[in-house]
Amino acid sequence: MYAAVVGLRACGRPESLTDWRAAVGGAARDSVRDVGGRGPVLLAVAAAALCAWMLLPLAFLAPGPLALALTGVDVRMPHRPGAVTALPE
């Protein structure tokens, strides 16, 4: 399970386009730091598998929940550059 979460988080990182080793390393660090982020990613994998299992033509919907979960987990991490944080009052 941990390898699947790290792999999916690596796919969602911007540096995965140019340097896979850096993307996997960063995803592994983020997975260790953000234990709560594993849940949404695993639930998205389950939702994608359920869509594909119920009816094969629904398999094209599988990337939707995965992309949404990876984006949500990435946005909620405040220590990442470019992450959205709460506005100061």
PDB file of N, CA and C in Angstrom:
ATOM      1  N   MET A   1       0.808  -1.186   0.000  1.00  0.00           N
ATOM      2  CA  MET A   1       0.000   0.000   0.000  1.00  0.00           C
ATOM      3  C   MET A   1       0.861   1.263   0.000  1.00  0.00           C
ATOM      4  N   TYR A   2       1.935   1.233   0.806  1.00  0.00           N
ATOM      5  CA  TYR A   2       2.795   2.414   0.888  1.00  0.00           C
ATOM      6  C   TYR A   2       3.421   2.722  -0.465  1.00  0.00           C
ATOM      7  N   ALA A   3       3.829   1.681  -1.196  1.00  0.00           N
ATOM      8  CA  ALA A   3       4.446   1.888  -2.510  1.00  0.00           C
ATOM      9  C   ALA A   3       3.441   2.485  -3.488  1.00  0.00           C
ATOM     10  N   ALA A   4       2.191   2.071  -3.408  1.00  0.00           N
ATOM     11  CA  ALA A   4       1.166   2.621  -4.302  1.00  0.00           C
ATOM     12  C   ALA A   4       0.924   4.094  -4.001  1.00  0.00           C
ATOM     13  N   VAL A   5       0.882   4.447  -2.718  1.00  0.00           N
ATOM     14  CA  VAL A   5       0.674   5.849  -2.343  1.00  0.00           C
ATOM     15  C   VAL A   5       1.847   6.699  -2.812  1.00  0.00           C
ATOM     16  N   VAL A   6       3.068   6.210  -2.584  1.00  0.00           N
ATOM     17  CA  VAL A   6       4.253   6.966  -3.009  1.00  0.00           C
ATOM     18  C   VAL A   6       4.279   7.093  -4.526  1.00  0.00           C
ATOM     19  N   GLY A   7       3.957   6.032  -5.244  1.00  0.00           N
ATOM     20  CA  GLY A   7       3.942   6.088  -6.700  1.00  0.00           C
ATOM     21  C   GLY A   7       2.929   7.072  -7.245  1.00  0.00           C
ATOM     22  N   LEU A   8       1.733   7.068  -6.673  1.00  0.00           N
ATOM     23  CA  LEU A   8       0.713   8.008  -7.124  1.00  0.00           C
ATOM     24  C   LEU A   8       1.070   9.448  -6.770  1.00  0.00           C
ATOM     25  N   ARG A   9       1.622   9.633  -5.574  1.00  0.00           N
ATOM     26  CA  ARG A   9       2.027  10.995  -5.208  1.00  0.00           C
ATOM     27  C   ARG A   9       3.181  11.474  -6.076  1.00  0.00           C
ATOM     28  N   ALA A  10       4.052  10.555  -6.482  1.00  0.00           N
ATOM     29  CA  ALA A  10       5.147  10.938  -7.384  1.00  0.00           C
ATOM     30  C   ALA A  10       4.602  11.349  -8.740  1.00  0.00           C
ATOM     31  N   CYS A  11       3.560  10.681  -9.205  1.00  0.00           N
ATOM     32  CA  CYS A  11       2.956  11.053 -10.491  1.00  0.00           C
ATOM     33  C   CYS A  11       2.329  12.443 -10.433  1.00  0.00           C
ATOM     34  N   GLY A  12       1.860  12.842  -9.278  1.00  0.00           N
ATOM     35  CA  GLY A  12       1.224  14.140  -9.141  1.00  0.00           C
ATOM     36  C   GLY A  12       2.188  15.290  -8.932  1.00  0.00           C
ATOM     37  N   ARG A  13       3.456  14.997  -8.766  1.00  0.00           N
ATOM     38  CA  ARG A  13       4.437  16.065  -8.522  1.00  0.00           C
ATOM     39  C   ARG A  13       4.902  16.676  -9.843  1.00  0.00           C
ATOM     40  N   PRO A  14       5.138  17.990  -9.870  1.00  0.00           N
ATOM     41  CA  PRO A  14       5.553  18.647 -11.120  1.00  0.00           C
ATOM     42  C   PRO A  14       6.904  18.157 -11.634  1.00  0.00           C
ATOM     43  N   GLU A  15       7.813  17.792 -10.746  1.00  0.00           N
ATOM     44  CA  GLU A  15       9.132  17.361 -11.207  1.00  0.00           C
ATOM     45  C   GLU A  15       9.121  15.963 -11.818  1.00  0.00           C
ATOM     46  N   SER A  16       7.979  15.279 -11.777  1.00  0.00           N
ATOM     47  CA  SER A  16       7.914  13.953 -12.398  1.00  0.00           C
ATOM     48  C   SER A  16       8.035  14.039 -13.920  1.00  0.00           C
ATOM     49  N   LEU A  17       7.826  15.221 -14.476  1.00  0.00           N
ATOM     50  CA  LEU A  17       7.978  15.379 -15.925  1.00  0.00           C
ATOM     51  C   LEU A  17       9.427  15.328 -16.369  1.00  0.00           C
ATOM     52  N   THR A  18      10.341  15.719 -15.498  1.00  0.00           N
ATOM     53  CA  THR A  18      11.743  15.784 -15.894  1.00  0.00           C
ATOM     54  C   THR A  18      12.650  14.854 -15.102  1.00  0.00           C
ATOM     55  N   ASP A  19      12.377  14.642 -13.820  1.00  0.00           N
ATOM     56  CA  ASP A  19      13.282  13.871 -12.972  1.00  0.00           C
ATOM     57  C   ASP A  19      12.477  12.950 -12.056  1.00  0.00           C
ATOM     58  N   TRP A  20      12.355  11.677 -12.453  1.00  0.00           N
ATOM     59  CA  TRP A  20      11.550  10.738 -11.688  1.00  0.00           C
ATOM     60  C   TRP A  20      12.145  10.432 -10.325  1.00  0.00           C
ATOM     61  N   ARG A  21      13.467  10.383 -10.246  1.00  0.00           N
ATOM     62  CA  ARG A  21      14.089  10.068  -8.949  1.00  0.00           C
ATOM     63  C   ARG A  21      13.767  11.140  -7.917  1.00  0.00           C
ATOM     64  N   ALA A  22      13.838  12.385  -8.323  1.00  0.00           N
ATOM     65  CA  ALA A  22      13.498  13.477  -7.406  1.00  0.00           C
ATOM     66  C   ALA A  22      12.020  13.425  -7.037  1.00  0.00           C
ATOM     67  N   ALA A  23      11.170  13.088  -7.995  1.00  0.00           N
ATOM     68  CA  ALA A  23       9.732  13.016  -7.721  1.00  0.00           C
ATOM     69  C   ALA A  23       9.421  11.899  -6.732  1.00  0.00           C
ATOM     70  N   VAL A  24      10.027  10.741  -6.905  1.00  0.00           N
ATOM     71  CA  VAL A  24       9.780   9.620  -5.994  1.00  0.00           C
ATOM     72  C   VAL A  24      10.348   9.930  -4.610  1.00  0.00           C
ATOM     73  N   GLY A  25      11.536  10.529  -4.565  1.00  0.00           N
ATOM     74  CA  GLY A  25      12.110  10.903  -3.273  1.00  0.00           C
ATOM     75  C   GLY A  25      11.260  11.922  -2.539  1.00  0.00           C
ATOM     76  N   GLY A  26      10.792  12.926  -3.254  1.00  0.00           N
ATOM     77  CA  GLY A  26       9.925  13.934  -2.640  1.00  0.00           C
ATOM     78  C   GLY A  26       8.597  13.348  -2.203  1.00  0.00           C
ATOM     79  N   ALA A  27       8.049  12.448  -3.001  1.00  0.00           N
ATOM     80  CA  ALA A  27       6.778  11.814  -2.642  1.00  0.00           C
ATOM     81  C   ALA A  27       6.944  10.935  -1.409  1.00  0.00           C
ATOM     82  N   ALA A  28       8.070  10.243  -1.313  1.00  0.00           N
ATOM     83  CA  ALA A  28       8.321   9.415  -0.126  1.00  0.00           C
ATOM     84  C   ALA A  28       8.448  10.289   1.121  1.00  0.00           C
ATOM     85  N   ARG A  29       9.155  11.411   1.004  1.00  0.00           N
ATOM     86  CA  ARG A  29       9.270  12.324   2.149  1.00  0.00           C
ATOM     87  C   ARG A  29       7.906  12.892   2.535  1.00  0.00           C
ATOM     88  N   ASP A  30       7.124  13.286   1.541  1.00  0.00           N
ATOM     89  CA  ASP A  30       5.800  13.826   1.837  1.00  0.00           C
ATOM     90  C   ASP A  30       4.890  12.781   2.473  1.00  0.00           C
ATOM     91  N   SER A  31       5.016  11.535   2.051  1.00  0.00           N
ATOM     92  CA  SER A  31       4.177  10.477   2.619  1.00  0.00           C
ATOM     93  C   SER A  31       4.535  10.209   4.075  1.00  0.00           C
ATOM     94  N   VAL A  32       5.812  10.345   4.414  1.00  0.00           N
ATOM     95  CA  VAL A  32       6.226  10.153   5.805  1.00  0.00           C
ATOM     96  C   VAL A  32       5.770  11.334   6.658  1.00  0.00           C
ATOM     97  N   ARG A  33       5.910  12.549   6.139  1.00  0.00           N
ATOM     98  CA  ARG A  33       5.534  13.752   6.887  1.00  0.00           C
ATOM     99  C   ARG A  33       4.025  13.903   7.034  1.00  0.00           C
ATOM    100  N   ASP A  34       3.281  13.510   6.009  1.00  0.00           N
ATOM    101  CA  ASP A  34       1.837  13.729   5.977  1.00  0.00           C
ATOM    102  C   ASP A  34       1.119  12.383   5.994  1.00  0.00           C
ATOM    103  N   VAL A  35       1.022  11.793   7.177  1.00  0.00           N
ATOM    104  CA  VAL A  35       0.385  10.483   7.299  1.00  0.00           C
ATOM    105  C   VAL A  35      -1.104  10.576   6.960  1.00  0.00           C
ATOM    106  N   GLY A  36      -1.737  11.686   7.291  1.00  0.00           N
ATOM    107  CA  GLY A  36      -3.157  11.860   6.997  1.00  0.00           C
ATOM    108  C   GLY A  36      -3.465  11.954   5.520  1.00  0.00           C
ATOM    109  N   GLY A  37      -2.465  12.235   4.707  1.00  0.00           N
ATOM    110  CA  GLY A  37      -2.679  12.308   3.266  1.00  0.00           C
ATOM    111  C   GLY A  37      -2.797  10.960   2.593  1.00  0.00           C
ATOM    112  N   ARG A  38      -2.420   9.906   3.292  1.00  0.00           N
ATOM    113  CA  ARG A  38      -2.524   8.569   2.707  1.00  0.00           C
ATOM    114  C   ARG A  38      -3.973   8.132   2.551  1.00  0.00           C
ATOM    115  N   GLY A  39      -4.816   8.530   3.490  1.00  0.00           N
ATOM    116  CA  GLY A  39      -6.217   8.114   3.464  1.00  0.00           C
ATOM    117  C   GLY A  39      -6.952   8.532   2.206  1.00  0.00           C
ATOM    118  N   PRO A  40      -6.943   9.818   1.854  1.00  0.00           N
ATOM    119  CA  PRO A  40      -7.648  10.215   0.633  1.00  0.00           C
ATOM    120  C   PRO A  40      -7.100   9.540  -0.627  1.00  0.00           C
ATOM    121  N   VAL A  41      -5.791   9.329  -0.664  1.00  0.00           N
ATOM    122  CA  VAL A  41      -5.215   8.677  -1.850  1.00  0.00           C
ATOM    123  C   VAL A  41      -5.689   7.226  -1.925  1.00  0.00           C
ATOM    124  N   LEU A  42      -5.678   6.517  -0.807  1.00  0.00           N
ATOM    125  CA  LEU A  42      -6.139   5.125  -0.808  1.00  0.00           C
ATOM    126  C   LEU A  42      -7.637   5.029  -1.096  1.00  0.00           C
ATOM    127  N   LEU A  43      -8.415   5.971  -0.579  1.00  0.00           N
ATOM    128  CA  LEU A  43      -9.849   5.979  -0.893  1.00  0.00           C
ATOM    129  C   LEU A  43     -10.093   6.258  -2.371  1.00  0.00           C
ATOM    130  N   ALA A  44      -9.276   7.106  -2.970  1.00  0.00           N
ATOM    131  CA  ALA A  44      -9.414   7.376  -4.398  1.00  0.00           C
ATOM    132  C   ALA A  44      -9.051   6.148  -5.227  1.00  0.00           C
ATOM    133  N   VAL A  45      -8.042   5.412  -4.791  1.00  0.00           N
ATOM    134  CA  VAL A  45      -7.700   4.156  -5.488  1.00  0.00           C
ATOM    135  C   VAL A  45      -8.864   3.177  -5.385  1.00  0.00           C
ATOM    136  N   ALA A  46      -9.475   3.085  -4.208  1.00  0.00           N
ATOM    137  CA  ALA A  46     -10.626   2.203  -4.040  1.00  0.00           C
ATOM    138  C   ALA A  46     -11.803   2.648  -4.913  1.00  0.00           C
ATOM    139  N   ALA A  47     -12.045   3.956  -4.994  1.00  0.00           N
ATOM    140  CA  ALA A  47     -13.128   4.462  -5.841  1.00  0.00           C
ATOM    141  C   ALA A  47     -12.857   4.188  -7.309  1.00  0.00           C
ATOM    142  N   ALA A  48     -11.612   4.333  -7.730  1.00  0.00           N
ATOM    143  CA  ALA A  48     -11.265   4.053  -9.125  1.00  0.00           C
ATOM    144  C   ALA A  48     -11.423   2.564  -9.431  1.00  0.00           C
ATOM    145  N   ALA A  49     -10.999   1.716  -8.508  1.00  0.00           N
ATOM    146  CA  ALA A  49     -11.150   0.269  -8.714  1.00  0.00           C
ATOM    147  C   ALA A  49     -12.629  -0.120  -8.732  1.00  0.00           C
ATOM    148  N   LEU A  50     -13.426   0.507  -7.884  1.00  0.00           N
ATOM    149  CA  LEU A  50     -14.855   0.219  -7.858  1.00  0.00           C
ATOM    150  C   LEU A  50     -15.529   0.653  -9.158  1.00  0.00           C
ATOM    151  N   CYS A  51     -15.146   1.811  -9.686  1.00  0.00           N
ATOM    152  CA  CYS A  51     -15.703   2.258 -10.972  1.00  0.00           C
ATOM    153  C   CYS A  51     -15.362   1.269 -12.083  1.00  0.00           C
ATOM    154  N   ALA A  52     -14.122   0.814 -12.114  1.00  0.00           N
ATOM    155  CA  ALA A  52     -13.706  -0.116 -13.165  1.00  0.00           C
ATOM    156  C   ALA A  52     -14.332  -1.493 -12.961  1.00  0.00           C
ATOM    157  N   TRP A  53     -14.549  -1.885 -11.720  1.00  0.00           N
ATOM    158  CA  TRP A  53     -15.117  -3.202 -11.453  1.00  0.00           C
ATOM    159  C   TRP A  53     -16.607  -3.253 -11.782  1.00  0.00           C
ATOM    160  N   MET A  54     -17.325  -2.178 -11.462  1.00  0.00           N
ATOM    161  CA  MET A  54     -18.772  -2.190 -11.659  1.00  0.00           C
ATOM    162  C   MET A  54     -19.149  -2.283 -13.135  1.00  0.00           C
ATOM    163  N   LEU A  55     -18.490  -1.508 -13.940  1.00  0.00           N
ATOM    164  CA  LEU A  55     -18.807  -1.495 -15.356  1.00  0.00           C
ATOM    165  C   LEU A  55     -17.565  -1.023 -16.092  1.00  0.00           C
ATOM    166  N   LEU A  56     -17.060  -1.847 -16.973  1.00  0.00           N
ATOM    167  CA  LEU A  56     -15.794  -1.552 -17.628  1.00  0.00           C
ATOM    168  C   LEU A  56     -15.785  -0.211 -18.361  1.00  0.00           C
ATOM    169  N   PRO A  57     -16.867   0.222 -19.016  1.00  0.00           N
ATOM    170  CA  PRO A  57     -16.826   1.554 -19.639  1.00  0.00           C
ATOM    171  C   PRO A  57     -16.639   2.701 -18.642  1.00  0.00           C
ATOM    172  N   LEU A  58     -16.878   2.452 -17.362  1.00  0.00           N
ATOM    173  CA  LEU A  58     -16.636   3.489 -16.362  1.00  0.00           C
ATOM    174  C   LEU A  58     -15.153   3.626 -16.011  1.00  0.00           C
ATOM    175  N   ALA A  59     -14.315   2.779 -16.568  1.00  0.00           N
ATOM    176  CA  ALA A  59     -12.883   2.821 -16.261  1.00  0.00           C
ATOM    177  C   ALA A  59     -12.264   4.154 -16.691  1.00  0.00           C
ATOM    178  N   PHE A  60     -12.840   4.810 -17.695  1.00  0.00           N
ATOM    179  CA  PHE A  60     -12.285   6.107 -18.100  1.00  0.00           C
ATOM    180  C   PHE A  60     -12.524   7.183 -17.037  1.00  0.00           C
ATOM    181  N   LEU A  61     -13.399   6.922 -16.069  1.00  0.00           N
ATOM    182  CA  LEU A  61     -13.619   7.858 -14.970  1.00  0.00           C
ATOM    183  C   LEU A  61     -12.600   7.696 -13.845  1.00  0.00           C
ATOM    184  N   ALA A  62     -11.830   6.631 -13.872  1.00  0.00           N
ATOM    185  CA  ALA A  62     -10.901   6.323 -12.778  1.00  0.00           C
ATOM    186  C   ALA A  62      -9.872   7.427 -12.521  1.00  0.00           C
ATOM    187  N   PRO A  63      -9.309   8.082 -13.521  1.00  0.00           N
ATOM    188  CA  PRO A  63      -8.326   9.133 -13.213  1.00  0.00           C
ATOM    189  C   PRO A  63      -8.921  10.342 -12.487  1.00  0.00           C
ATOM    190  N   GLY A  64     -10.210  10.551 -12.561  1.00  0.00           N
ATOM    191  CA  GLY A  64     -10.837  11.701 -11.908  1.00  0.00           C
ATOM    192  C   GLY A  64     -10.660  11.718 -10.399  1.00  0.00           C
ATOM    193  N   PRO A  65     -11.120  10.661  -9.692  1.00  0.00           N
ATOM    194  CA  PRO A  65     -10.934  10.683  -8.238  1.00  0.00           C
ATOM    195  C   PRO A  65      -9.466  10.645  -7.825  1.00  0.00           C
ATOM    196  N   LEU A  66      -8.627  10.011  -8.633  1.00  0.00           N
ATOM    197  CA  LEU A  66      -7.198   9.985  -8.312  1.00  0.00           C
ATOM    198  C   LEU A  66      -6.595  11.385  -8.407  1.00  0.00           C
ATOM    199  N   ALA A  67      -6.904  12.093  -9.479  1.00  0.00           N
ATOM    200  CA  ALA A  67      -6.369  13.451  -9.643  1.00  0.00           C
ATOM    201  C   ALA A  67      -6.905  14.383  -8.565  1.00  0.00           C
ATOM    202  N   LEU A  68      -8.175  14.240  -8.223  1.00  0.00           N
ATOM    203  CA  LEU A  68      -8.767  15.086  -7.183  1.00  0.00           C
ATOM    204  C   LEU A  68      -8.101  14.831  -5.829  1.00  0.00           C
ATOM    205  N   ALA A  69      -7.888  13.576  -5.488  1.00  0.00           N
ATOM    206  CA  ALA A  69      -7.258  13.256  -4.204  1.00  0.00           C
ATOM    207  C   ALA A  69      -5.814  13.734  -4.160  1.00  0.00           C
ATOM    208  N   LEU A  70      -5.073  13.527  -5.238  1.00  0.00           N
ATOM    209  CA  LEU A  70      -3.676  13.959  -5.248  1.00  0.00           C
ATOM    210  C   LEU A  70      -3.557  15.478  -5.173  1.00  0.00           C
ATOM    211  N   THR A  71      -4.457  16.180  -5.843  1.00  0.00           N
ATOM    212  CA  THR A  71      -4.445  17.642  -5.778  1.00  0.00           C
ATOM    213  C   THR A  71      -4.817  18.126  -4.381  1.00  0.00           C
ATOM    214  N   GLY A  72      -5.835  17.511  -3.808  1.00  0.00           N
ATOM    215  CA  GLY A  72      -6.256  17.905  -2.466  1.00  0.00           C
ATOM    216  C   GLY A  72      -5.194  17.657  -1.421  1.00  0.00           C
ATOM    217  N   VAL A  73      -4.520  16.534  -1.511  1.00  0.00           N
ATOM    218  CA  VAL A  73      -3.460  16.219  -0.554  1.00  0.00           C
ATOM    219  C   VAL A  73      -2.289  17.170  -0.747  1.00  0.00           C
ATOM    220  N   ASP A  74      -1.990  17.506  -1.983  1.00  0.00           N
ATOM    221  CA  ASP A  74      -0.881  18.408  -2.271  1.00  0.00           C
ATOM    222  C   ASP A  74      -1.175  19.824  -1.789  1.00  0.00           C
ATOM    223  N   VAL A  75      -2.399  20.275  -1.928  1.00  0.00           N
ATOM    224  CA  VAL A  75      -2.765  21.638  -1.546  1.00  0.00           C
ATOM    225  C   VAL A  75      -2.772  21.803  -0.029  1.00  0.00           C
ATOM    226  N   ARG A  76      -3.125  20.764   0.698  1.00  0.00           N
ATOM    227  CA  ARG A  76      -3.232  20.904   2.151  1.00  0.00           C
ATOM    228  C   ARG A  76      -1.893  20.833   2.871  1.00  0.00           C
ATOM    229  N   MET A  77      -0.794  20.605   2.152  1.00  0.00           N
ATOM    230  CA  MET A  77       0.528  20.547   2.772  1.00  0.00           C
ATOM    231  C   MET A  77       1.155  21.940   2.748  1.00  0.00           C
ATOM    232  N   PRO A  78       1.232  22.622   3.889  1.00  0.00           N
ATOM    233  CA  PRO A  78       1.708  24.011   3.890  1.00  0.00           C
ATOM    234  C   PRO A  78       3.202  24.168   3.649  1.00  0.00           C
ATOM    235  N   HIS A  79       4.009  23.137   3.872  1.00  0.00           N
ATOM    236  CA  HIS A  79       5.455  23.301   3.727  1.00  0.00           C
ATOM    237  C   HIS A  79       5.931  23.159   2.293  1.00  0.00           C
ATOM    238  N   ARG A  80       5.046  22.777   1.385  1.00  0.00           N
ATOM    239  CA  ARG A  80       5.426  22.642  -0.014  1.00  0.00           C
ATOM    240  C   ARG A  80       5.417  23.999  -0.693  1.00  0.00           C
ATOM    241  N   PRO A  81       6.392  24.282  -1.584  1.00  0.00           N
ATOM    242  CA  PRO A  81       6.353  25.545  -2.322  1.00  0.00           C
ATOM    243  C   PRO A  81       5.133  25.582  -3.243  1.00  0.00           C
ATOM    244  N   GLY A  82       4.459  26.681  -3.236  1.00  0.00           N
ATOM    245  CA  GLY A  82       3.274  26.834  -4.082  1.00  0.00           C
ATOM    246  C   GLY A  82       2.010  26.312  -3.451  1.00  0.00           C
ATOM    247  N   ALA A  83       2.095  25.788  -2.230  1.00  0.00           N
ATOM    248  CA  ALA A  83       0.904  25.265  -1.567  1.00  0.00           C
ATOM    249  C   ALA A  83       0.034  26.430  -1.107  1.00  0.00           C
ATOM    250  N   VAL A  84      -1.247  26.216  -1.126  1.00  0.00           N
ATOM    251  CA  VAL A  84      -2.192  27.244  -0.708  1.00  0.00           C
ATOM    252  C   VAL A  84      -2.294  27.206   0.816  1.00  0.00           C
ATOM    253  N   THR A  85      -2.143  28.336   1.440  1.00  0.00           N
ATOM    254  CA  THR A  85      -2.277  28.428   2.887  1.00  0.00           C
ATOM    255  C   THR A  85      -3.393  29.392   3.229  1.00  0.00           C
ATOM    256  N   ALA A  86      -3.771  29.414   4.490  1.00  0.00           N
ATOM    257  CA  ALA A  86      -4.830  30.321   4.927  1.00  0.00           C
ATOM    258  C   ALA A  86      -4.366  31.761   4.800  1.00  0.00           C
ATOM    259  N   LEU A  87      -5.262  32.624   4.441  1.00  0.00           N
ATOM    260  CA  LEU A  87      -4.945  34.037   4.303  1.00  0.00           C
ATOM    261  C   LEU A  87      -4.794  34.680   5.686  1.00  0.00           C
ATOM    262  N   PRO A  88      -3.828  35.566   5.842  1.00  0.00           N
ATOM    263  CA  PRO A  88      -3.695  36.239   7.146  1.00  0.00           C
ATOM    264  C   PRO A  88      -4.851  37.208   7.365  1.00  0.00           C
ATOM    265  N   GLU A  89      -5.206  37.377   8.600  1.00  0.00           N
ATOM    266  CA  GLU A  89      -6.324  38.281   8.924  1.00  0.00           C
ATOM    267  C   GLU A  89      -5.856  39.675   9.196  1.00  0.00           C
TER     268      GLU A  89
END
